[in-house]
Amino acid sequence: MNQNAPVIQINNVSFAYRNRMVLDKINLSVQQNDYIAIIGPNGGGKTTFLKLILGILRPDSGTISVLGQSPDKASHHIGYVPQNHHGNDHFPISVMDIVLMGCLSPKKCFFYSLKKKYGSKALKILDRLNIANYANHNMDSLSGGQRQRVFIARALMTDPDILLLDEPTTGIDSKGQTEFYELLRSLNQSLTIIMVSHDMNVLSTHVKSVACVNQHLYYHDQSEISENMIHRMYPNVMSADCPLEFIAHGVPHRVLQLHQHKGKKND
């Protein structure tokens, strides 16, 4: 693959679910070592966007190339940390067991042999993420930030070139979030990172660029968000009489001025 070629190239991709258009003719070029935040309202298509890159979903039209290949053929080059891990928090499984699951595949389905073959590698990755001391701890004894490090360690077991994260700081306190973003900054030295986030604070301090996804995709090659991008993301909420102070959980709120046509304040 040409070193100057995009690691991900998305051309005119559309995807509908049960006749509802989720993504409409989106385009994006992702360069090596990019660090992109994907923002937008709930239901705007952000998670669908990640699943198309992963090859879990296929576009109805358009093309996606990952490292010069189709997403399904390039899947081993992508590490993925989903938003919900759908596990029983009280199930007695260790940190090491979770990390070793990153090596499982249809052709490698014998879990009992993974520790012998990949245990040393797993420990090195855990050490890199500063949680090697927790290798034999049960997952239910870890904080939210520590758990996310474990799931990243699992994603790194295949030596990916690209790391996709879907709202990775959900349930992590502010101190843990700061440490987590510093970890991602370090990983970005060798990995391309695409992260779905509702955290506006991450934009000015951590990521390199922003893509706003709300059925369409609006790319901004900087970490700041312009007023025009906000209007594009939330066309049914924003208006000239309705200035935005902040965004939380994907929904703009706290209106600062009076709605002249209603004559009352909203919050």
C-alpha atoms as a PDB file:
ATOM      1  CA  MET A   1       0.000   0.000   0.000  1.00  0.00           C
ATOM      2  CA  ASN A   2       1.179   3.519  -0.872  1.00  0.00           C
ATOM      3  CA  GLN A   3       2.389   5.200   2.334  1.00  0.00           C
ATOM      4  CA  ASN A   4       0.743   8.455   1.252  1.00  0.00           C
ATOM      5  CA  ALA A   5      -2.607   6.810   0.559  1.00  0.00           C
ATOM      6  CA  PRO A   6      -5.443   7.218   3.095  1.00  0.00           C
ATOM      7  CA  VAL A   7      -5.719   4.372   5.595  1.00  0.00           C
ATOM      8  CA  ILE A   8      -9.507   4.664   5.258  1.00  0.00           C
ATOM      9  CA  GLN A   9     -11.266   5.969   2.158  1.00  0.00           C
ATOM     10  CA  ILE A  10     -15.059   6.371   2.160  1.00  0.00           C
ATOM     11  CA  ASN A  11     -16.743   7.412  -1.086  1.00  0.00           C
ATOM     12  CA  ASN A  12     -20.453   8.316  -1.396  1.00  0.00           C
ATOM     13  CA  VAL A  13     -21.545   5.703   1.142  1.00  0.00           C
ATOM     14  CA  SER A  14     -25.224   5.396   2.006  1.00  0.00           C
ATOM     15  CA  PHE A  15     -26.890   3.006   4.416  1.00  0.00           C
ATOM     16  CA  ALA A  16     -30.541   2.532   5.313  1.00  0.00           C
ATOM     17  CA  TYR A  17     -32.091   0.404   8.027  1.00  0.00           C
ATOM     18  CA  ARG A  18     -35.648  -0.808   7.451  1.00  0.00           C
ATOM     19  CA  ASN A  19     -36.177   1.853   4.805  1.00  0.00           C
ATOM     20  CA  ARG A  20     -34.928   4.618   7.123  1.00  0.00           C
ATOM     21  CA  MET A  21     -31.908   6.451   5.761  1.00  0.00           C
ATOM     22  CA  VAL A  22     -29.183   6.369   8.424  1.00  0.00           C
ATOM     23  CA  LEU A  23     -26.216   7.667   6.416  1.00  0.00           C
ATOM     24  CA  ASP A  24     -26.578   9.496   3.129  1.00  0.00           C
ATOM     25  CA  LYS A  25     -23.707   9.844   0.630  1.00  0.00           C
ATOM     26  CA  ILE A  26     -20.936  10.348   3.160  1.00  0.00           C
ATOM     27  CA  ASN A  27     -17.305  10.891   2.181  1.00  0.00           C
ATOM     28  CA  LEU A  28     -14.162  10.843   4.300  1.00  0.00           C
ATOM     29  CA  SER A  29     -10.429  10.288   3.871  1.00  0.00           C
ATOM     30  CA  VAL A  30      -8.520   9.252   6.982  1.00  0.00           C
ATOM     31  CA  GLN A  31      -4.739   9.591   6.932  1.00  0.00           C
ATOM     32  CA  GLN A  32      -2.227   7.576   8.919  1.00  0.00           C
ATOM     33  CA  ASN A  33      -2.006   8.692  12.570  1.00  0.00           C
ATOM     34  CA  ASP A  34      -5.114  10.835  12.323  1.00  0.00           C
ATOM     35  CA  TYR A  35      -7.049  11.238  15.571  1.00  0.00           C
ATOM     36  CA  ILE A  36     -10.657  12.018  14.692  1.00  0.00           C
ATOM     37  CA  ALA A  37     -13.601  12.624  17.005  1.00  0.00           C
ATOM     38  CA  ILE A  38     -16.993  11.621  15.607  1.00  0.00           C
ATOM     39  CA  ILE A  39     -19.733  13.740  17.152  1.00  0.00           C
ATOM     40  CA  GLY A  40     -23.431  14.209  16.525  1.00  0.00           C
ATOM     41  CA  PRO A  41     -26.887  13.604  18.014  1.00  0.00           C
ATOM     42  CA  ASN A  42     -28.162  10.262  19.228  1.00  0.00           C
ATOM     43  CA  GLY A  43     -29.509   8.296  16.281  1.00  0.00           C
ATOM     44  CA  GLY A  44     -27.431  10.334  13.833  1.00  0.00           C
ATOM     45  CA  GLY A  45     -25.523   7.295  12.541  1.00  0.00           C
ATOM     46  CA  LYS A  46     -22.240   7.425  14.477  1.00  0.00           C
ATOM     47  CA  THR A  47     -22.148   3.781  15.588  1.00  0.00           C
ATOM     48  CA  THR A  48     -23.406   2.662  12.168  1.00  0.00           C
ATOM     49  CA  PHE A  49     -20.488   4.587  10.673  1.00  0.00           C
ATOM     50  CA  LEU A  50     -18.006   2.586  12.774  1.00  0.00           C
ATOM     51  CA  LYS A  51     -19.687  -0.716  11.928  1.00  0.00           C
ATOM     52  CA  LEU A  52     -19.387   0.036   8.206  1.00  0.00           C
ATOM     53  CA  ILE A  53     -15.646   0.614   8.599  1.00  0.00           C
ATOM     54  CA  LEU A  54     -15.384  -2.656  10.533  1.00  0.00           C
ATOM     55  CA  GLY A  55     -17.254  -4.572   7.841  1.00  0.00           C
ATOM     56  CA  ILE A  56     -19.974  -5.612  10.302  1.00  0.00           C
ATOM     57  CA  LEU A  57     -22.410  -3.758   8.045  1.00  0.00           C
ATOM     58  CA  ARG A  58     -22.188  -3.266   4.299  1.00  0.00           C
ATOM     59  CA  PRO A  59     -23.172  -0.028   2.581  1.00  0.00           C
ATOM     60  CA  ASP A  60     -26.208   0.028   0.318  1.00  0.00           C
ATOM     61  CA  SER A  61     -24.193   2.142  -2.102  1.00  0.00           C
ATOM     62  CA  GLY A  62     -20.713   3.639  -2.323  1.00  0.00           C
ATOM     63  CA  THR A  63     -17.353   2.139  -1.385  1.00  0.00           C
ATOM     64  CA  ILE A  64     -15.159   1.782   1.694  1.00  0.00           C
ATOM     65  CA  SER A  65     -11.471   0.942   1.559  1.00  0.00           C
ATOM     66  CA  VAL A  66      -9.379   0.134   4.646  1.00  0.00           C
ATOM     67  CA  LEU A  67      -5.636  -0.033   4.021  1.00  0.00           C
ATOM     68  CA  GLY A  68      -6.390  -0.617   0.357  1.00  0.00           C
ATOM     69  CA  GLN A  69      -8.727  -3.541   1.040  1.00  0.00           C
ATOM     70  CA  SER A  70     -12.405  -4.128   1.670  1.00  0.00           C
ATOM     71  CA  PRO A  71     -13.335  -3.767   5.375  1.00  0.00           C
ATOM     72  CA  ASP A  72     -13.940  -7.500   5.868  1.00  0.00           C
ATOM     73  CA  LYS A  73     -10.491  -8.378   4.530  1.00  0.00           C
ATOM     74  CA  ALA A  74      -8.801  -5.660   6.582  1.00  0.00           C
ATOM     75  CA  SER A  75     -10.659  -6.386   9.844  1.00  0.00           C
ATOM     76  CA  HIS A  76      -7.543  -7.838  11.510  1.00  0.00           C
ATOM     77  CA  HIS A  77      -5.888  -4.429  11.123  1.00  0.00           C
ATOM     78  CA  ILE A  78      -8.622  -2.759  13.199  1.00  0.00           C
ATOM     79  CA  GLY A  79      -8.983  -2.760  16.974  1.00  0.00           C
ATOM     80  CA  TYR A  80     -12.508  -2.034  18.200  1.00  0.00           C
ATOM     81  CA  VAL A  81     -13.759  -0.949  21.627  1.00  0.00           C
ATOM     82  CA  PRO A  82     -17.590  -0.931  21.545  1.00  0.00           C
ATOM     83  CA  GLN A  83     -19.794   1.289  23.650  1.00  0.00           C
ATOM     84  CA  ASN A  84     -21.541  -1.535  25.481  1.00  0.00           C
ATOM     85  CA  HIS A  85     -19.754  -4.721  26.490  1.00  0.00           C
ATOM     86  CA  HIS A  86     -22.928  -6.618  27.445  1.00  0.00           C
ATOM     87  CA  GLY A  87     -21.287  -8.629  30.170  1.00  0.00           C
ATOM     88  CA  ASN A  88     -22.313  -9.701  33.633  1.00  0.00           C
ATOM     89  CA  ASP A  89     -20.315  -7.413  35.920  1.00  0.00           C
ATOM     90  CA  HIS A  90     -20.246 -10.115  38.592  1.00  0.00           C
ATOM     91  CA  PHE A  91     -19.112 -12.950  36.329  1.00  0.00           C
ATOM     92  CA  PRO A  92     -15.766 -14.236  37.697  1.00  0.00           C
ATOM     93  CA  ILE A  93     -13.504 -13.488  34.744  1.00  0.00           C
ATOM     94  CA  SER A  94     -10.016 -12.075  35.057  1.00  0.00           C
ATOM     95  CA  VAL A  95      -8.373  -9.163  33.286  1.00  0.00           C
ATOM     96  CA  MET A  96      -5.996 -11.585  31.552  1.00  0.00           C
ATOM     97  CA  ASP A  97      -8.905 -13.681  30.254  1.00  0.00           C
ATOM     98  CA  ILE A  98     -10.558 -10.585  28.763  1.00  0.00           C
ATOM     99  CA  VAL A  99      -7.357  -9.477  27.041  1.00  0.00           C
ATOM    100  CA  LEU A 100      -6.686 -12.942  25.621  1.00  0.00           C
ATOM    101  CA  MET A 101     -10.129 -12.891  24.013  1.00  0.00           C
ATOM    102  CA  GLY A 102      -8.625 -10.452  21.540  1.00  0.00           C
ATOM    103  CA  CYS A 103      -6.872 -13.436  19.961  1.00  0.00           C
ATOM    104  CA  LEU A 104     -10.026 -15.492  19.493  1.00  0.00           C
ATOM    105  CA  SER A 105     -11.281 -16.092  15.978  1.00  0.00           C
ATOM    106  CA  PRO A 106     -13.151 -18.845  14.123  1.00  0.00           C
ATOM    107  CA  LYS A 107      -9.761 -20.419  13.374  1.00  0.00           C
ATOM    108  CA  LYS A 108      -8.465 -19.994  16.943  1.00  0.00           C
ATOM    109  CA  CYS A 109     -11.295 -21.193  19.147  1.00  0.00           C
ATOM    110  CA  PHE A 110      -9.396 -23.102  21.849  1.00  0.00           C
ATOM    111  CA  PHE A 111      -9.290 -20.602  24.682  1.00  0.00           C
ATOM    112  CA  TYR A 112      -7.328 -22.850  27.049  1.00  0.00           C
ATOM    113  CA  SER A 113      -4.246 -22.637  24.797  1.00  0.00           C
ATOM    114  CA  LEU A 114      -4.301 -18.847  24.437  1.00  0.00           C
ATOM    115  CA  LYS A 115      -2.577 -18.045  27.725  1.00  0.00           C
ATOM    116  CA  LYS A 116       0.352 -20.308  26.922  1.00  0.00           C
ATOM    117  CA  LYS A 117       0.741 -18.865  23.436  1.00  0.00           C
ATOM    118  CA  TYR A 118      -0.173 -15.216  23.989  1.00  0.00           C
ATOM    119  CA  GLY A 119       0.139 -14.652  27.751  1.00  0.00           C
ATOM    120  CA  SER A 120       3.510 -12.914  27.513  1.00  0.00           C
ATOM    121  CA  LYS A 121       2.248 -10.571  24.811  1.00  0.00           C
ATOM    122  CA  ALA A 122      -0.875  -9.781  26.842  1.00  0.00           C
ATOM    123  CA  LEU A 123       1.246  -8.860  29.868  1.00  0.00           C
ATOM    124  CA  LYS A 124       3.410  -6.550  27.774  1.00  0.00           C
ATOM    125  CA  ILE A 125       0.332  -4.748  26.475  1.00  0.00           C
ATOM    126  CA  LEU A 126      -1.151  -4.479  29.967  1.00  0.00           C
ATOM    127  CA  ASP A 127       2.164  -3.066  31.175  1.00  0.00           C
ATOM    128  CA  ARG A 128       2.134  -0.529  28.366  1.00  0.00           C
ATOM    129  CA  LEU A 129      -1.319   0.565  29.565  1.00  0.00           C
ATOM    130  CA  ASN A 130      -0.150   0.653  33.218  1.00  0.00           C
ATOM    131  CA  ILE A 131      -2.490  -2.079  34.437  1.00  0.00           C
ATOM    132  CA  ALA A 132      -0.215  -5.150  34.442  1.00  0.00           C
ATOM    133  CA  ASN A 133      -0.627  -5.373  38.220  1.00  0.00           C
ATOM    134  CA  TYR A 134      -4.314  -6.163  37.672  1.00  0.00           C
ATOM    135  CA  ALA A 135      -3.773  -9.081  35.275  1.00  0.00           C
ATOM    136  CA  ASN A 136      -5.132 -11.668  37.707  1.00  0.00           C
ATOM    137  CA  HIS A 137      -7.842  -9.459  39.216  1.00  0.00           C
ATOM    138  CA  ASN A 138     -11.497 -10.010  38.438  1.00  0.00           C
ATOM    139  CA  MET A 139     -13.019  -7.394  36.161  1.00  0.00           C
ATOM    140  CA  ASP A 140     -15.653  -6.453  38.736  1.00  0.00           C
ATOM    141  CA  SER A 141     -12.920  -5.116  41.043  1.00  0.00           C
ATOM    142  CA  LEU A 142     -11.739  -2.481  38.531  1.00  0.00           C
ATOM    143  CA  SER A 143     -12.830   1.126  38.109  1.00  0.00           C
ATOM    144  CA  GLY A 144     -14.487   2.309  34.902  1.00  0.00           C
ATOM    145  CA  GLY A 145     -11.262   3.793  33.588  1.00  0.00           C
ATOM    146  CA  GLN A 146      -9.299   0.636  34.360  1.00  0.00           C
ATOM    147  CA  ARG A 147     -11.898  -1.500  32.581  1.00  0.00           C
ATOM    148  CA  GLN A 148     -11.624   0.630  29.463  1.00  0.00           C
ATOM    149  CA  ARG A 149      -7.860   0.121  29.480  1.00  0.00           C
ATOM    150  CA  VAL A 150      -8.487  -3.630  29.623  1.00  0.00           C
ATOM    151  CA  PHE A 151     -10.801  -3.451  26.604  1.00  0.00           C
ATOM    152  CA  ILE A 152      -8.211  -1.407  24.719  1.00  0.00           C
ATOM    153  CA  ALA A 153      -5.591  -4.025  25.639  1.00  0.00           C
ATOM    154  CA  ARG A 154      -7.887  -6.666  24.176  1.00  0.00           C
ATOM    155  CA  ALA A 155      -8.199  -4.617  20.976  1.00  0.00           C
ATOM    156  CA  LEU A 156      -4.404  -4.256  20.744  1.00  0.00           C
ATOM    157  CA  MET A 157      -3.755  -8.006  20.826  1.00  0.00           C
ATOM    158  CA  THR A 158      -3.976  -8.221  17.027  1.00  0.00           C
ATOM    159  CA  ASP A 159      -1.420  -5.398  16.531  1.00  0.00           C
ATOM    160  CA  PRO A 160      -3.930  -3.157  14.741  1.00  0.00           C
ATOM    161  CA  ASP A 161      -3.090  -0.125  12.639  1.00  0.00           C
ATOM    162  CA  ILE A 162      -6.438   1.528  13.400  1.00  0.00           C
ATOM    163  CA  LEU A 163      -8.303   1.852  16.694  1.00  0.00           C
ATOM    164  CA  LEU A 164     -12.048   2.542  16.726  1.00  0.00           C
ATOM    165  CA  LEU A 165     -13.728   3.538  19.986  1.00  0.00           C
ATOM    166  CA  ASP A 166     -17.440   4.108  20.585  1.00  0.00           C
ATOM    167  CA  GLU A 167     -17.974   6.560  23.469  1.00  0.00           C
ATOM    168  CA  PRO A 168     -15.141   5.057  25.516  1.00  0.00           C
ATOM    169  CA  THR A 169     -15.401   7.422  28.506  1.00  0.00           C
ATOM    170  CA  THR A 170     -19.013   6.591  29.402  1.00  0.00           C
ATOM    171  CA  GLY A 171     -19.137   5.842  33.126  1.00  0.00           C
ATOM    172  CA  ILE A 172     -15.627   7.154  33.835  1.00  0.00           C
ATOM    173  CA  ASP A 173     -15.132  10.002  36.317  1.00  0.00           C
ATOM    174  CA  SER A 174     -13.396  13.230  35.277  1.00  0.00           C
ATOM    175  CA  LYS A 175      -9.986  12.219  36.653  1.00  0.00           C
ATOM    176  CA  GLY A 176     -10.221   8.857  34.912  1.00  0.00           C
ATOM    177  CA  GLN A 177     -11.232  10.563  31.663  1.00  0.00           C
ATOM    178  CA  THR A 178      -8.174  12.821  31.756  1.00  0.00           C
ATOM    179  CA  GLU A 179      -5.874   9.814  32.259  1.00  0.00           C
ATOM    180  CA  PHE A 180      -7.713   7.889  29.551  1.00  0.00           C
ATOM    181  CA  TYR A 181      -7.291  10.664  26.986  1.00  0.00           C
ATOM    182  CA  GLU A 182      -3.605  10.890  27.812  1.00  0.00           C
ATOM    183  CA  LEU A 183      -3.367   7.169  27.094  1.00  0.00           C
ATOM    184  CA  LEU A 184      -5.042   7.653  23.718  1.00  0.00           C
ATOM    185  CA  ARG A 185      -2.660  10.517  22.926  1.00  0.00           C
ATOM    186  CA  SER A 186       0.241   8.140  23.523  1.00  0.00           C
ATOM    187  CA  LEU A 187      -1.326   5.385  21.415  1.00  0.00           C
ATOM    188  CA  ASN A 188      -1.925   7.864  18.602  1.00  0.00           C
ATOM    189  CA  GLN A 189       1.818   8.043  18.010  1.00  0.00           C
ATOM    190  CA  SER A 190       1.595   4.637  16.358  1.00  0.00           C
ATOM    191  CA  LEU A 191      -2.141   4.186  15.699  1.00  0.00           C
ATOM    192  CA  THR A 192      -4.834   5.949  13.713  1.00  0.00           C
ATOM    193  CA  ILE A 193      -7.715   6.634  16.100  1.00  0.00           C
ATOM    194  CA  ILE A 194     -11.379   7.290  15.346  1.00  0.00           C
ATOM    195  CA  MET A 195     -13.476   7.914  18.442  1.00  0.00           C
ATOM    196  CA  VAL A 196     -17.195   8.535  18.829  1.00  0.00           C
ATOM    197  CA  SER A 197     -17.697  10.973  21.695  1.00  0.00           C
ATOM    198  CA  HIS A 198     -20.256  13.292  23.262  1.00  0.00           C
ATOM    199  CA  ASP A 199     -17.546  14.990  25.303  1.00  0.00           C
ATOM    200  CA  MET A 200     -16.986  18.454  23.871  1.00  0.00           C
ATOM    201  CA  ASN A 201     -13.967  18.983  26.131  1.00  0.00           C
ATOM    202  CA  VAL A 202     -12.020  16.362  24.180  1.00  0.00           C
ATOM    203  CA  LEU A 203     -12.118  18.440  21.008  1.00  0.00           C
ATOM    204  CA  SER A 204      -9.901  21.361  21.922  1.00  0.00           C
ATOM    205  CA  THR A 205      -7.426  19.402  24.043  1.00  0.00           C
ATOM    206  CA  HIS A 206      -6.917  15.974  22.503  1.00  0.00           C
ATOM    207  CA  VAL A 207      -8.131  15.149  18.991  1.00  0.00           C
ATOM    208  CA  LYS A 208      -6.715  16.509  15.748  1.00  0.00           C
ATOM    209  CA  SER A 209      -9.934  16.818  13.735  1.00  0.00           C
ATOM    210  CA  VAL A 210     -13.698  16.438  13.978  1.00  0.00           C
ATOM    211  CA  ALA A 211     -16.349  14.767  11.839  1.00  0.00           C
ATOM    212  CA  CYS A 212     -19.970  15.624  12.590  1.00  0.00           C
ATOM    213  CA  VAL A 213     -22.371  12.821  11.697  1.00  0.00           C
ATOM    214  CA  ASN A 214     -26.105  13.414  11.457  1.00  0.00           C
ATOM    215  CA  GLN A 215     -27.172  11.306   8.450  1.00  0.00           C
ATOM    216  CA  HIS A 216     -24.663  13.383   6.471  1.00  0.00           C
ATOM    217  CA  LEU A 217     -21.005  13.830   7.424  1.00  0.00           C
ATOM    218  CA  TYR A 218     -19.317  17.202   7.865  1.00  0.00           C
ATOM    219  CA  TYR A 219     -15.557  17.073   8.279  1.00  0.00           C
ATOM    220  CA  HIS A 220     -13.522  19.781   9.971  1.00  0.00           C
ATOM    221  CA  ASP A 221      -9.749  19.493   9.740  1.00  0.00           C
ATOM    222  CA  GLN A 222      -9.249  21.059  13.167  1.00  0.00           C
ATOM    223  CA  SER A 223     -10.319  20.232  16.696  1.00  0.00           C
ATOM    224  CA  GLU A 224     -12.631  23.227  17.129  1.00  0.00           C
ATOM    225  CA  ILE A 225     -16.319  23.207  16.236  1.00  0.00           C
ATOM    226  CA  SER A 226     -17.765  26.153  14.345  1.00  0.00           C
ATOM    227  CA  GLU A 227     -21.273  27.510  14.825  1.00  0.00           C
ATOM    228  CA  ASN A 228     -22.084  26.399  11.292  1.00  0.00           C
ATOM    229  CA  MET A 229     -21.217  22.791  12.171  1.00  0.00           C
ATOM    230  CA  ILE A 230     -23.486  22.933  15.225  1.00  0.00           C
ATOM    231  CA  HIS A 231     -26.366  24.127  13.060  1.00  0.00           C
ATOM    232  CA  ARG A 232     -25.745  21.290  10.623  1.00  0.00           C
ATOM    233  CA  MET A 233     -25.694  18.708  13.404  1.00  0.00           C
ATOM    234  CA  TYR A 234     -28.824  19.946  15.174  1.00  0.00           C
ATOM    235  CA  PRO A 235     -30.964  21.654  12.498  1.00  0.00           C
ATOM    236  CA  ASN A 236     -34.230  20.989  14.344  1.00  0.00           C
ATOM    237  CA  VAL A 237     -33.005  22.462  17.627  1.00  0.00           C
ATOM    238  CA  MET A 238     -30.758  25.400  16.791  1.00  0.00           C
ATOM    239  CA  SER A 239     -32.170  28.740  15.707  1.00  0.00           C
ATOM    240  CA  ALA A 240     -31.193  32.389  15.778  1.00  0.00           C
ATOM    241  CA  ASP A 241     -33.286  32.838  18.934  1.00  0.00           C
ATOM    242  CA  CYS A 242     -31.855  29.744  20.582  1.00  0.00           C
ATOM    243  CA  PRO A 243     -28.100  30.054  21.262  1.00  0.00           C
ATOM    244  CA  LEU A 244     -26.225  27.009  22.504  1.00  0.00           C
ATOM    245  CA  GLU A 245     -24.019  27.004  25.583  1.00  0.00           C
ATOM    246  CA  PHE A 246     -22.979  23.367  25.714  1.00  0.00           C
ATOM    247  CA  ILE A 247     -23.800  19.882  24.504  1.00  0.00           C
ATOM    248  CA  ALA A 248     -24.210  16.902  26.784  1.00  0.00           C
ATOM    249  CA  HIS A 249     -25.088  13.342  25.841  1.00  0.00           C
ATOM    250  CA  GLY A 250     -25.676  14.419  22.256  1.00  0.00           C
ATOM    251  CA  VAL A 251     -28.527  16.829  23.047  1.00  0.00           C
ATOM    252  CA  PRO A 252     -28.047  20.617  22.984  1.00  0.00           C
ATOM    253  CA  HIS A 253     -29.535  22.312  26.019  1.00  0.00           C
ATOM    254  CA  ARG A 254     -29.483  25.347  28.288  1.00  0.00           C
ATOM    255  CA  VAL A 255     -30.951  28.116  26.147  1.00  0.00           C
ATOM    256  CA  LEU A 256     -29.619  31.488  27.268  1.00  0.00           C
ATOM    257  CA  GLN A 257     -31.918  33.977  25.575  1.00  0.00           C
ATOM    258  CA  LEU A 258     -35.679  34.482  25.513  1.00  0.00           C
ATOM    259  CA  HIS A 259     -37.622  32.955  22.664  1.00  0.00           C
ATOM    260  CA  GLN A 260     -39.215  36.146  21.473  1.00  0.00           C
ATOM    261  CA  HIS A 261     -42.123  34.409  19.791  1.00  0.00           C
ATOM    262  CA  LYS A 262     -42.947  32.491  22.985  1.00  0.00           C
ATOM    263  CA  GLY A 263     -41.960  35.126  25.500  1.00  0.00           C
ATOM    264  CA  LYS A 264     -40.473  32.716  28.007  1.00  0.00           C
ATOM    265  CA  LYS A 265     -37.177  31.101  28.891  1.00  0.00           C
ATOM    266  CA  ASN A 266     -36.321  27.443  28.254  1.00  0.00           C
ATOM    267  CA  ASP A 267     -33.673  25.318  29.925  1.00  0.00           C
END
